[in-house]
Amino acid sequence: MNFSLSKAQFFLLLFIIQTGVVYIAFQTPLIIYSQHSAWVVFILASVIHYGLLCLFEQYYPYFYLNGFFRWVYQIYWLVLNAVLIAYMGYVLATWVLPQTPEWLVVGMIVGLSLYANLVRPETVINIGVMLIPIIFLFVIFLMLAVPDLTWSNLFPVEWHNTKLIMAGLIHSTYAFFGIEMYLIYRPFLKQDTQVKGRPLFIYQLVLFVFYMISVLFTQMFFALEEIKLIPEPIMYILKSQEVTFVKRLDIFFVYIWLSWSIVTVMIFGLSFRVLYFSKKRKHPKRSIVIYHLLLAILPLFVMQFQQIEFIKNSLHYVLLVFTFLLPIIIMCWNKWRGKRVS
């Protein structure tokens, strides 16, 4: 595939895919496993994430995927995308559309992704621009909850509980899933575009602040015993706020979150296209349609509460492999062999 990205497009694409879908829910497992130390653990996780971005920026030319690893990542993205769609359908059924058939919700999401991925790649990339103002509305309206926050919930911090900190670090990976997309899209940046240094630090800072606010507000709004019963804490915080222009603020933001998440699904579809069409293929549109047909079928098998909970409690191990370990192994192997992305 031939297209190019500006620096702004690249970081916007990365931001959407790293925050889409999981933003309303990742705080719960992080706080459950790291308790009062959650905010400190997240700061540590963010430092690790920034170090990984710097590593990826230095060695991204060595992220060359042979035929086997291309299929590994394509299958991984297909399954992960199906899981995300199933979770989106589950959240919609829980909050706003309890009587709507599951297949209809999945069909709507997949249909939009199919349309976006049958046209030029730039369509998927640029559609995220429309999300910028509404995404940051989350932060603005979260500020309404400031009078209800209990600052003492942030303490005591258990500095010496290594097991607790490690558990929190592992579950914090939900906040940074999709970081491997940095390696996929970095070669598409326009030549002579400066990324390392200040631009990369600013991106990390924006991502950190965006997530950190949600962690702090969740931790200060709910007691530890309460957080275990609340799967989407951001939605509950918004639900508790009273405003004059809408009866339930949470429902308003569920639809914003849905739009945000659908763009994430589109970007996963684009990533599939990037890898699949890195080799010249016959009948490209037919392949995209088949991908989306699979994407429409797979979520229907995991949209029940028990399956969603099982996936949420185990997905972080999969993310550790595909977003951290495997990219590093591939880059080290290709550097040793002298194999680079052409």
Foldseek 3Di string as FASTA:
>chain_A
DADFDALVLLLLLQLLLLCALCLQFLLLQLCLLQPLQSLVLLVVLLVVVLVVLVVCVVQLQLLDDDPVVLVVVLVVLLLVLLLSQLSLLLVCCVPPNVPDDSLVSLCVLLVVLLVQVVDDPVSLSVVSVVLVVVLCVLVVLLVLCVVQFAQCLNDDRDPPPPSSSVSSSLSSCSSGFPLCVCSLRVVRYDPPRDCPDPNSVVSSVVSSVSSSSVNRSLSRNDHSVVSNVDRRSSLVSQQPDDDDPDGGRSVVVSVSSVVSNSSSSSVSLVSSCSSVPVDPDPPSSVVSVVSSVSSSPSSVVQNDPVSSVVCSVPVSVVSCVVVPVVSVVSSVVSVVVVHTND
